Amino acid sequence: MSEVVLSAREGAVMRLTINRPERRNALNEEVCRALAAGVDAAEADPAVRVVVITGAGDKAFCAGGDLKPGADGTPFTIDPARPRHYVIDLFRRLEACTRPVVARVNGHALAGGLGLVCACDMAVGVEHASLGVPETRVGLFPMMILSYMMRIVPRRKLFEMTITGEPFSAAEALELGILNYAVPAAELDERVDWLVARIVDKSPTGIRLGKQAFRAIEDMPLDKAFEYTQLMLPIMAMTEDAREGFAAFNEKRDPVWRGR
């Protein structure tokens, strides 16, 4: 694992920390590749049930792309002969992740940093954090994160935030559904741990297949979604985890999940 992203497994949790506090944990190619590698490592370890992504320090979760002149791996360039951008590669990797991914928003989340929050399945943030997409202030627009934001933020609020570039508070992010919880800084880890504990004791197979279905039907017409889901439930019922879940319920005991 690169030094720009620290990786640590704690029980059933893989924690990935963007480690560039001097650059407000800004994204560059090395960071994005390292985050994707961390997700790969989490999925390769059957003991890992959830991934938590955060930033180093207490000021910024991630300030987006590195604007420093001459910054290595800046996200504002691309090889025209290979027009696959590493930020989109990271988003695709998160989209395909079979484990739930939780953003621990320890500070400001701006531009691509806000996109990273939106790319996670759930997010817990500190009350003092500012969030926003200030790209229009420097002659840009939040292009690469727009697809995720459109799936979370109501249309008129999305137009307002992307066009004006004005920041908004964690309380507003909570109201918009960008955050699941906004808490005082002293309670951030407690709330993240509380949420994680309610994930890791559930069926890994149920979650994995559920995430797959969620992604599959998100953009389907309603009738196509019905066709997909009516087949998925009986298929899930045939898994080892489902059989164990039914048995544990009837025997009034805690289930022992095998992830199969």
C-alpha atoms as a PDB file:
ATOM      1  CA  MET A   1       0.000   0.000   0.000  1.00  0.00           C
ATOM      2  CA  SER A   2       1.278   3.449  -0.909  1.00  0.00           C
ATOM      3  CA  GLU A   3       2.124   5.907   1.883  1.00  0.00           C
ATOM      4  CA  VAL A   4      -0.482   8.327   0.496  1.00  0.00           C
ATOM      5  CA  VAL A   5      -3.199   5.883   1.595  1.00  0.00           C
ATOM      6  CA  LEU A   6      -2.824   4.027   4.880  1.00  0.00           C
ATOM      7  CA  SER A   7      -4.510   0.650   5.163  1.00  0.00           C
ATOM      8  CA  ALA A   8      -5.355  -1.123   8.399  1.00  0.00           C
ATOM      9  CA  ARG A   9      -7.597  -4.097   9.069  1.00  0.00           C
ATOM     10  CA  GLU A  10      -9.328  -3.997  12.436  1.00  0.00           C
ATOM     11  CA  GLY A  11     -11.358  -7.137  12.907  1.00  0.00           C
ATOM     12  CA  ALA A  12     -13.966  -7.197  10.148  1.00  0.00           C
ATOM     13  CA  VAL A  13     -13.216  -3.601   9.073  1.00  0.00           C
ATOM     14  CA  MET A  14     -10.731  -2.397   6.467  1.00  0.00           C
ATOM     15  CA  ARG A  15      -9.855   1.267   7.095  1.00  0.00           C
ATOM     16  CA  LEU A  16      -8.370   3.284   4.252  1.00  0.00           C
ATOM     17  CA  THR A  17      -7.006   6.721   5.181  1.00  0.00           C
ATOM     18  CA  ILE A  18      -5.964   9.316   2.598  1.00  0.00           C
ATOM     19  CA  ASN A  19      -2.671  10.449   4.095  1.00  0.00           C
ATOM     20  CA  ARG A  20      -1.949  13.863   2.587  1.00  0.00           C
ATOM     21  CA  PRO A  21      -2.989  16.254   5.372  1.00  0.00           C
ATOM     22  CA  GLU A  22      -0.505  18.876   4.146  1.00  0.00           C
ATOM     23  CA  ARG A  23      -2.493  18.977   0.860  1.00  0.00           C
ATOM     24  CA  ARG A  24      -5.861  18.658   2.626  1.00  0.00           C
ATOM     25  CA  ASN A  25      -5.954  15.026   1.459  1.00  0.00           C
ATOM     26  CA  ALA A  26      -6.317  16.106  -2.151  1.00  0.00           C
ATOM     27  CA  LEU A  27      -6.755  13.493  -4.854  1.00  0.00           C
ATOM     28  CA  ASN A  28      -4.120  12.602  -7.394  1.00  0.00           C
ATOM     29  CA  GLU A  29      -3.427   9.497  -9.431  1.00  0.00           C
ATOM     30  CA  GLU A  30      -1.424   7.806  -6.682  1.00  0.00           C
ATOM     31  CA  VAL A  31      -4.196   8.336  -4.139  1.00  0.00           C
ATOM     32  CA  CYS A  32      -6.907   7.005  -6.439  1.00  0.00           C
ATOM     33  CA  ARG A  33      -4.891   3.959  -7.438  1.00  0.00           C
ATOM     34  CA  ALA A  34      -4.043   3.259  -3.789  1.00  0.00           C
ATOM     35  CA  LEU A  35      -7.683   3.528  -2.695  1.00  0.00           C
ATOM     36  CA  ALA A  36      -8.686   1.096  -5.446  1.00  0.00           C
ATOM     37  CA  ALA A  37      -5.917  -1.267  -4.341  1.00  0.00           C
ATOM     38  CA  GLY A  38      -7.217  -1.034  -0.785  1.00  0.00           C
ATOM     39  CA  VAL A  39     -10.659  -2.066  -1.949  1.00  0.00           C
ATOM     40  CA  ASP A  40      -9.067  -4.978  -3.839  1.00  0.00           C
ATOM     41  CA  ALA A  41      -7.311  -6.071  -0.644  1.00  0.00           C
ATOM     42  CA  ALA A  42     -10.545  -5.843   1.338  1.00  0.00           C
ATOM     43  CA  GLU A  43     -12.401  -8.035  -1.128  1.00  0.00           C
ATOM     44  CA  ALA A  44      -9.564 -10.566  -1.191  1.00  0.00           C
ATOM     45  CA  ASP A  45      -9.869 -11.032   2.573  1.00  0.00           C
ATOM     46  CA  PRO A  46     -12.975 -13.051   3.520  1.00  0.00           C
ATOM     47  CA  ALA A  47     -12.776 -11.713   7.087  1.00  0.00           C
ATOM     48  CA  VAL A  48     -13.441  -8.149   5.914  1.00  0.00           C
ATOM     49  CA  ARG A  49     -17.118  -7.199   6.062  1.00  0.00           C
ATOM     50  CA  VAL A  50     -16.985  -3.416   5.586  1.00  0.00           C
ATOM     51  CA  VAL A  51     -14.617  -0.751   4.202  1.00  0.00           C
ATOM     52  CA  VAL A  52     -14.251   2.657   5.889  1.00  0.00           C
ATOM     53  CA  ILE A  53     -12.658   5.537   3.942  1.00  0.00           C
ATOM     54  CA  THR A  54     -11.458   8.681   5.701  1.00  0.00           C
ATOM     55  CA  GLY A  55      -8.826  11.416   5.589  1.00  0.00           C
ATOM     56  CA  ALA A  56      -5.836  12.043   7.822  1.00  0.00           C
ATOM     57  CA  GLY A  57      -6.067  14.806  10.413  1.00  0.00           C
ATOM     58  CA  ASP A  58      -9.143  16.710  11.510  1.00  0.00           C
ATOM     59  CA  LYS A  59      -9.399  19.492   8.919  1.00  0.00           C
ATOM     60  CA  ALA A  60     -10.272  17.798   5.632  1.00  0.00           C
ATOM     61  CA  PHE A  61     -11.748  14.531   4.476  1.00  0.00           C
ATOM     62  CA  CYS A  62     -10.672  15.383   0.939  1.00  0.00           C
ATOM     63  CA  ALA A  63     -10.371  18.738  -0.826  1.00  0.00           C
ATOM     64  CA  GLY A  64     -10.793  17.287  -4.310  1.00  0.00           C
ATOM     65  CA  GLY A  65      -8.222  17.439  -7.081  1.00  0.00           C
ATOM     66  CA  ASP A  66      -4.798  18.860  -6.278  1.00  0.00           C
ATOM     67  CA  LEU A  67      -4.678  22.452  -7.628  1.00  0.00           C
ATOM     68  CA  LYS A  68      -1.024  23.020  -6.749  1.00  0.00           C
ATOM     69  CA  PRO A  69       0.886  24.113  -9.876  1.00  0.00           C
ATOM     70  CA  GLY A  70       2.844  21.182 -11.245  1.00  0.00           C
ATOM     71  CA  ALA A  71       1.220  18.727  -8.823  1.00  0.00           C
ATOM     72  CA  ASP A  72       2.027  15.101  -9.577  1.00  0.00           C
ATOM     73  CA  GLY A  73      -0.857  13.105 -10.987  1.00  0.00           C
ATOM     74  CA  THR A  74      -3.303  16.011 -11.081  1.00  0.00           C
ATOM     75  CA  PRO A  75      -6.800  14.883 -12.181  1.00  0.00           C
ATOM     76  CA  PHE A  76      -7.062  17.755 -14.672  1.00  0.00           C
ATOM     77  CA  THR A  77      -5.009  16.045 -17.381  1.00  0.00           C
ATOM     78  CA  ILE A  78      -5.526  12.905 -19.427  1.00  0.00           C
ATOM     79  CA  ASP A  79      -3.609  10.901 -21.991  1.00  0.00           C
ATOM     80  CA  PRO A  80      -5.567  11.357 -25.253  1.00  0.00           C
ATOM     81  CA  ALA A  81      -4.316   7.986 -26.446  1.00  0.00           C
ATOM     82  CA  ARG A  82      -5.734   6.273 -23.335  1.00  0.00           C
ATOM     83  CA  PRO A  83      -8.742   8.334 -22.278  1.00  0.00           C
ATOM     84  CA  ARG A  84      -9.621   6.347 -19.172  1.00  0.00           C
ATOM     85  CA  HIS A  85      -9.374   8.546 -16.132  1.00  0.00           C
ATOM     86  CA  TYR A  86      -8.148   7.120 -12.852  1.00  0.00           C
ATOM     87  CA  VAL A  87     -10.829   8.985 -10.861  1.00  0.00           C
ATOM     88  CA  ILE A  88     -13.503   7.201 -12.873  1.00  0.00           C
ATOM     89  CA  ASP A  89     -11.567   3.944 -12.450  1.00  0.00           C
ATOM     90  CA  LEU A  90     -11.792   4.462  -8.676  1.00  0.00           C
ATOM     91  CA  PHE A  91     -15.509   5.216  -8.844  1.00  0.00           C
ATOM     92  CA  ARG A  92     -16.065   2.090 -10.936  1.00  0.00           C
ATOM     93  CA  ARG A  93     -14.108   0.060  -8.395  1.00  0.00           C
ATOM     94  CA  LEU A  94     -16.223   1.409  -5.553  1.00  0.00           C
ATOM     95  CA  GLU A  95     -19.370   0.748  -7.571  1.00  0.00           C
ATOM     96  CA  ALA A  96     -18.370  -2.889  -7.996  1.00  0.00           C
ATOM     97  CA  CYS A  97     -17.303  -3.384  -4.366  1.00  0.00           C
ATOM     98  CA  THR A  98     -19.236  -6.210  -2.740  1.00  0.00           C
ATOM     99  CA  ARG A  99     -18.593  -4.874   0.766  1.00  0.00           C
ATOM    100  CA  PRO A 100     -20.464  -1.870   2.146  1.00  0.00           C
ATOM    101  CA  VAL A 101     -18.269   1.239   1.963  1.00  0.00           C
ATOM    102  CA  VAL A 102     -18.667   3.915   4.644  1.00  0.00           C
ATOM    103  CA  ALA A 103     -17.195   7.423   4.375  1.00  0.00           C
ATOM    104  CA  ARG A 104     -15.900   8.761   7.682  1.00  0.00           C
ATOM    105  CA  VAL A 105     -16.074  12.468   6.827  1.00  0.00           C
ATOM    106  CA  ASN A 106     -13.646  13.912   9.359  1.00  0.00           C
ATOM    107  CA  GLY A 107     -13.572  17.400   7.831  1.00  0.00           C
ATOM    108  CA  HIS A 108     -14.260  19.394   4.689  1.00  0.00           C
ATOM    109  CA  ALA A 109     -15.307  17.458   1.577  1.00  0.00           C
ATOM    110  CA  LEU A 110     -15.021  19.559  -1.550  1.00  0.00           C
ATOM    111  CA  ALA A 111     -15.167  18.963  -5.295  1.00  0.00           C
ATOM    112  CA  GLY A 112     -13.860  15.448  -5.944  1.00  0.00           C
ATOM    113  CA  GLY A 113     -13.837  14.892  -2.196  1.00  0.00           C
ATOM    114  CA  LEU A 114     -17.596  15.342  -2.164  1.00  0.00           C
ATOM    115  CA  GLY A 115     -17.763  12.985  -5.118  1.00  0.00           C
ATOM    116  CA  LEU A 116     -15.880  10.405  -3.067  1.00  0.00           C
ATOM    117  CA  VAL A 117     -18.433  10.797  -0.264  1.00  0.00           C
ATOM    118  CA  CYS A 118     -21.240  10.253  -2.770  1.00  0.00           C
ATOM    119  CA  ALA A 119     -19.461   7.199  -4.204  1.00  0.00           C
ATOM    120  CA  CYS A 120     -19.525   5.487  -0.801  1.00  0.00           C
ATOM    121  CA  ASP A 121     -22.635   3.580   0.268  1.00  0.00           C
ATOM    122  CA  MET A 122     -23.053   5.475   3.543  1.00  0.00           C
ATOM    123  CA  ALA A 123     -21.445   8.508   5.152  1.00  0.00           C
ATOM    124  CA  VAL A 124     -20.998   9.867   8.675  1.00  0.00           C
ATOM    125  CA  GLY A 125     -19.650  13.400   8.995  1.00  0.00           C
ATOM    126  CA  VAL A 126     -18.598  15.937  11.581  1.00  0.00           C
ATOM    127  CA  GLU A 127     -20.951  18.853  12.163  1.00  0.00           C
ATOM    128  CA  HIS A 128     -18.323  21.489  11.413  1.00  0.00           C
ATOM    129  CA  ALA A 129     -17.492  20.137   7.937  1.00  0.00           C
ATOM    130  CA  SER A 130     -18.138  22.227   4.853  1.00  0.00           C
ATOM    131  CA  LEU A 131     -19.140  20.421   1.692  1.00  0.00           C
ATOM    132  CA  GLY A 132     -19.433  21.755  -1.813  1.00  0.00           C
ATOM    133  CA  VAL A 133     -18.392  21.825  -5.443  1.00  0.00           C
ATOM    134  CA  PRO A 134     -16.495  25.096  -6.033  1.00  0.00           C
ATOM    135  CA  GLU A 135     -15.330  24.235  -9.563  1.00  0.00           C
ATOM    136  CA  THR A 136     -17.094  27.176 -11.251  1.00  0.00           C
ATOM    137  CA  ARG A 137     -14.858  29.494  -9.211  1.00  0.00           C
ATOM    138  CA  VAL A 138     -11.856  28.277 -11.203  1.00  0.00           C
ATOM    139  CA  GLY A 139     -13.562  27.945 -14.577  1.00  0.00           C
ATOM    140  CA  LEU A 140     -14.531  24.283 -14.311  1.00  0.00           C
ATOM    141  CA  PHE A 141     -17.628  22.224 -13.527  1.00  0.00           C
ATOM    142  CA  PRO A 142     -17.850  19.082 -11.341  1.00  0.00           C
ATOM    143  CA  MET A 143     -17.976  16.760 -14.336  1.00  0.00           C
ATOM    144  CA  MET A 144     -16.604  13.463 -13.072  1.00  0.00           C
ATOM    145  CA  ILE A 145     -18.651  13.460  -9.870  1.00  0.00           C
ATOM    146  CA  LEU A 146     -21.862  14.691 -11.478  1.00  0.00           C
ATOM    147  CA  SER A 147     -23.242  11.220 -12.195  1.00  0.00           C
ATOM    148  CA  TYR A 148     -23.087  10.264  -8.522  1.00  0.00           C
ATOM    149  CA  MET A 149     -24.461  13.577  -7.306  1.00  0.00           C
ATOM    150  CA  MET A 150     -27.452  13.306  -9.659  1.00  0.00           C
ATOM    151  CA  ARG A 151     -28.381  10.039  -7.950  1.00  0.00           C
ATOM    152  CA  ILE A 152     -28.400  11.592  -4.477  1.00  0.00           C
ATOM    153  CA  VAL A 153     -29.097  15.339  -4.601  1.00  0.00           C
ATOM    154  CA  PRO A 154     -32.487  16.756  -5.687  1.00  0.00           C
ATOM    155  CA  ARG A 155     -32.302  18.406  -9.118  1.00  0.00           C
ATOM    156  CA  ARG A 156     -32.856  22.045  -8.146  1.00  0.00           C
ATOM    157  CA  LYS A 157     -30.441  21.904  -5.221  1.00  0.00           C
ATOM    158  CA  LEU A 158     -27.895  20.213  -7.467  1.00  0.00           C
ATOM    159  CA  PHE A 159     -28.157  23.023 -10.015  1.00  0.00           C
ATOM    160  CA  GLU A 160     -27.741  25.572  -7.237  1.00  0.00           C
ATOM    161  CA  MET A 161     -24.667  23.992  -5.688  1.00  0.00           C
ATOM    162  CA  THR A 162     -22.909  23.193  -8.975  1.00  0.00           C
ATOM    163  CA  ILE A 163     -23.573  26.585 -10.575  1.00  0.00           C
ATOM    164  CA  THR A 164     -22.988  28.865  -7.596  1.00  0.00           C
ATOM    165  CA  GLY A 165     -20.103  26.863  -6.164  1.00  0.00           C
ATOM    166  CA  GLU A 166     -21.158  27.931  -2.667  1.00  0.00           C
ATOM    167  CA  PRO A 167     -20.352  25.575   0.239  1.00  0.00           C
ATOM    168  CA  PHE A 168     -23.027  24.080   2.441  1.00  0.00           C
ATOM    169  CA  SER A 169     -23.016  22.706   5.955  1.00  0.00           C
ATOM    170  CA  ALA A 170     -23.049  19.158   7.233  1.00  0.00           C
ATOM    171  CA  ALA A 171     -26.579  19.790   8.517  1.00  0.00           C
ATOM    172  CA  GLU A 172     -27.661  20.672   4.977  1.00  0.00           C
ATOM    173  CA  ALA A 173     -25.832  17.607   3.627  1.00  0.00           C
ATOM    174  CA  LEU A 174     -27.752  15.495   6.123  1.00  0.00           C
ATOM    175  CA  GLU A 175     -31.047  17.007   4.969  1.00  0.00           C
ATOM    176  CA  LEU A 176     -30.150  16.354   1.324  1.00  0.00           C
ATOM    177  CA  GLY A 177     -29.270  12.726   2.027  1.00  0.00           C
ATOM    178  CA  ILE A 178     -25.555  13.083   1.287  1.00  0.00           C
ATOM    179  CA  LEU A 179     -24.767  12.176   4.895  1.00  0.00           C
ATOM    180  CA  ASN A 180     -26.486   9.523   6.983  1.00  0.00           C
ATOM    181  CA  TYR A 181     -25.421  11.235  10.212  1.00  0.00           C
ATOM    182  CA  ALA A 182     -23.796  14.538  11.218  1.00  0.00           C
ATOM    183  CA  VAL A 183     -22.273  14.502  14.692  1.00  0.00           C
ATOM    184  CA  PRO A 184     -19.893  16.538  16.882  1.00  0.00           C
ATOM    185  CA  ALA A 185     -16.241  15.756  16.183  1.00  0.00           C
ATOM    186  CA  ALA A 186     -15.859  14.058  19.568  1.00  0.00           C
ATOM    187  CA  GLU A 187     -18.616  11.591  18.600  1.00  0.00           C
ATOM    188  CA  LEU A 188     -17.481  10.786  15.052  1.00  0.00           C
ATOM    189  CA  ASP A 189     -15.692   7.509  15.765  1.00  0.00           C
ATOM    190  CA  GLU A 190     -18.409   6.373  18.142  1.00  0.00           C
ATOM    191  CA  ARG A 191     -21.076   6.903  15.474  1.00  0.00           C
ATOM    192  CA  VAL A 192     -19.001   5.254  12.743  1.00  0.00           C
ATOM    193  CA  ASP A 193     -18.358   2.265  14.999  1.00  0.00           C
ATOM    194  CA  TRP A 194     -22.065   2.133  15.858  1.00  0.00           C
ATOM    195  CA  LEU A 195     -22.970   1.988  12.181  1.00  0.00           C
ATOM    196  CA  VAL A 196     -20.256  -0.521  11.329  1.00  0.00           C
ATOM    197  CA  ALA A 197     -21.392  -2.811  14.167  1.00  0.00           C
ATOM    198  CA  ARG A 198     -24.840  -2.927  12.575  1.00  0.00           C
ATOM    199  CA  ILE A 199     -23.297  -4.032   9.289  1.00  0.00           C
ATOM    200  CA  VAL A 200     -20.769  -6.673  10.311  1.00  0.00           C
ATOM    201  CA  ASP A 201     -23.294  -8.842  12.184  1.00  0.00           C
ATOM    202  CA  LYS A 202     -25.509  -9.218   9.098  1.00  0.00           C
ATOM    203  CA  SER A 203     -25.264 -11.785   6.298  1.00  0.00           C
ATOM    204  CA  PRO A 204     -22.325 -11.056   3.949  1.00  0.00           C
ATOM    205  CA  THR A 205     -24.138 -12.953   1.196  1.00  0.00           C
ATOM    206  CA  GLY A 206     -27.373 -11.034   1.686  1.00  0.00           C
ATOM    207  CA  ILE A 207     -25.479  -7.743   1.568  1.00  0.00           C
ATOM    208  CA  ARG A 208     -23.399  -8.756  -1.453  1.00  0.00           C
ATOM    209  CA  LEU A 209     -26.393  -9.868  -3.518  1.00  0.00           C
ATOM    210  CA  GLY A 210     -28.433  -6.942  -2.254  1.00  0.00           C
ATOM    211  CA  LYS A 211     -25.794  -4.445  -3.424  1.00  0.00           C
ATOM    212  CA  GLN A 212     -25.672  -6.214  -6.778  1.00  0.00           C
ATOM    213  CA  ALA A 213     -29.442  -5.908  -7.164  1.00  0.00           C
ATOM    214  CA  PHE A 214     -29.449  -2.284  -6.005  1.00  0.00           C
ATOM    215  CA  ARG A 215     -26.929  -1.325  -8.687  1.00  0.00           C
ATOM    216  CA  ALA A 216     -28.625  -3.415 -11.358  1.00  0.00           C
ATOM    217  CA  ILE A 217     -32.124  -1.970 -11.004  1.00  0.00           C
ATOM    218  CA  GLU A 218     -31.147   1.631 -10.234  1.00  0.00           C
ATOM    219  CA  ASP A 219     -31.586   2.768 -13.831  1.00  0.00           C
ATOM    220  CA  MET A 220     -34.027   0.085 -15.008  1.00  0.00           C
ATOM    221  CA  PRO A 221     -37.610   0.862 -15.995  1.00  0.00           C
ATOM    222  CA  LEU A 222     -39.940  -0.245 -13.215  1.00  0.00           C
ATOM    223  CA  ASP A 223     -41.262  -3.299 -15.059  1.00  0.00           C
ATOM    224  CA  LYS A 224     -37.726  -4.527 -15.808  1.00  0.00           C
ATOM    225  CA  ALA A 225     -36.832  -4.036 -12.149  1.00  0.00           C
ATOM    226  CA  PHE A 226     -39.825  -6.171 -11.155  1.00  0.00           C
ATOM    227  CA  GLU A 227     -38.625  -8.937 -13.494  1.00  0.00           C
ATOM    228  CA  TYR A 228     -35.146  -8.870 -11.959  1.00  0.00           C
ATOM    229  CA  THR A 229     -36.162  -8.751  -8.307  1.00  0.00           C
ATOM    230  CA  GLN A 230     -38.814 -11.453  -8.532  1.00  0.00           C
ATOM    231  CA  LEU A 231     -36.057 -13.875  -9.508  1.00  0.00           C
ATOM    232  CA  MET A 232     -33.411 -12.633  -7.085  1.00  0.00           C
ATOM    233  CA  LEU A 233     -35.321 -13.290  -3.854  1.00  0.00           C
ATOM    234  CA  PRO A 234     -35.875 -17.060  -4.381  1.00  0.00           C
ATOM    235  CA  ILE A 235     -32.277 -17.357  -5.615  1.00  0.00           C
ATOM    236  CA  MET A 236     -31.057 -15.691  -2.411  1.00  0.00           C
ATOM    237  CA  ALA A 237     -33.206 -18.051  -0.366  1.00  0.00           C
ATOM    238  CA  MET A 238     -31.134 -20.958  -1.711  1.00  0.00           C
ATOM    239  CA  THR A 239     -27.841 -19.605  -0.332  1.00  0.00           C
ATOM    240  CA  GLU A 240     -26.122 -21.114   2.686  1.00  0.00           C
ATOM    241  CA  ASP A 241     -26.443 -17.846   4.591  1.00  0.00           C
ATOM    242  CA  ALA A 242     -30.197 -17.743   4.032  1.00  0.00           C
ATOM    243  CA  ARG A 243     -30.611 -21.327   5.222  1.00  0.00           C
ATOM    244  CA  GLU A 244     -28.540 -20.490   8.293  1.00  0.00           C
ATOM    245  CA  GLY A 245     -30.564 -17.339   8.896  1.00  0.00           C
ATOM    246  CA  PHE A 246     -33.860 -19.223   8.761  1.00  0.00           C
ATOM    247  CA  ALA A 247     -32.495 -21.940  11.072  1.00  0.00           C
ATOM    248  CA  ALA A 248     -31.139 -19.423  13.586  1.00  0.00           C
ATOM    249  CA  PHE A 249     -34.457 -17.562  13.617  1.00  0.00           C
ATOM    250  CA  ASN A 250     -36.427 -20.757  14.302  1.00  0.00           C
ATOM    251  CA  GLU A 251     -33.927 -21.957  16.900  1.00  0.00           C
ATOM    252  CA  LYS A 252     -33.815 -18.525  18.579  1.00  0.00           C
ATOM    253  CA  ARG A 253     -30.027 -18.186  18.346  1.00  0.00           C
ATOM    254  CA  ASP A 254     -27.520 -15.888  16.653  1.00  0.00           C
ATOM    255  CA  PRO A 255     -26.656 -16.933  13.099  1.00  0.00           C
ATOM    256  CA  VAL A 256     -23.161 -18.008  12.106  1.00  0.00           C
ATOM    257  CA  TRP A 257     -22.560 -16.490   8.690  1.00  0.00           C
ATOM    258  CA  ARG A 258     -20.351 -18.295   6.173  1.00  0.00           C
ATOM    259  CA  GLY A 259     -20.658 -15.739   3.401  1.00  0.00           C
ATOM    260  CA  ARG A 260     -21.917 -18.367   0.978  1.00  0.00           C
END
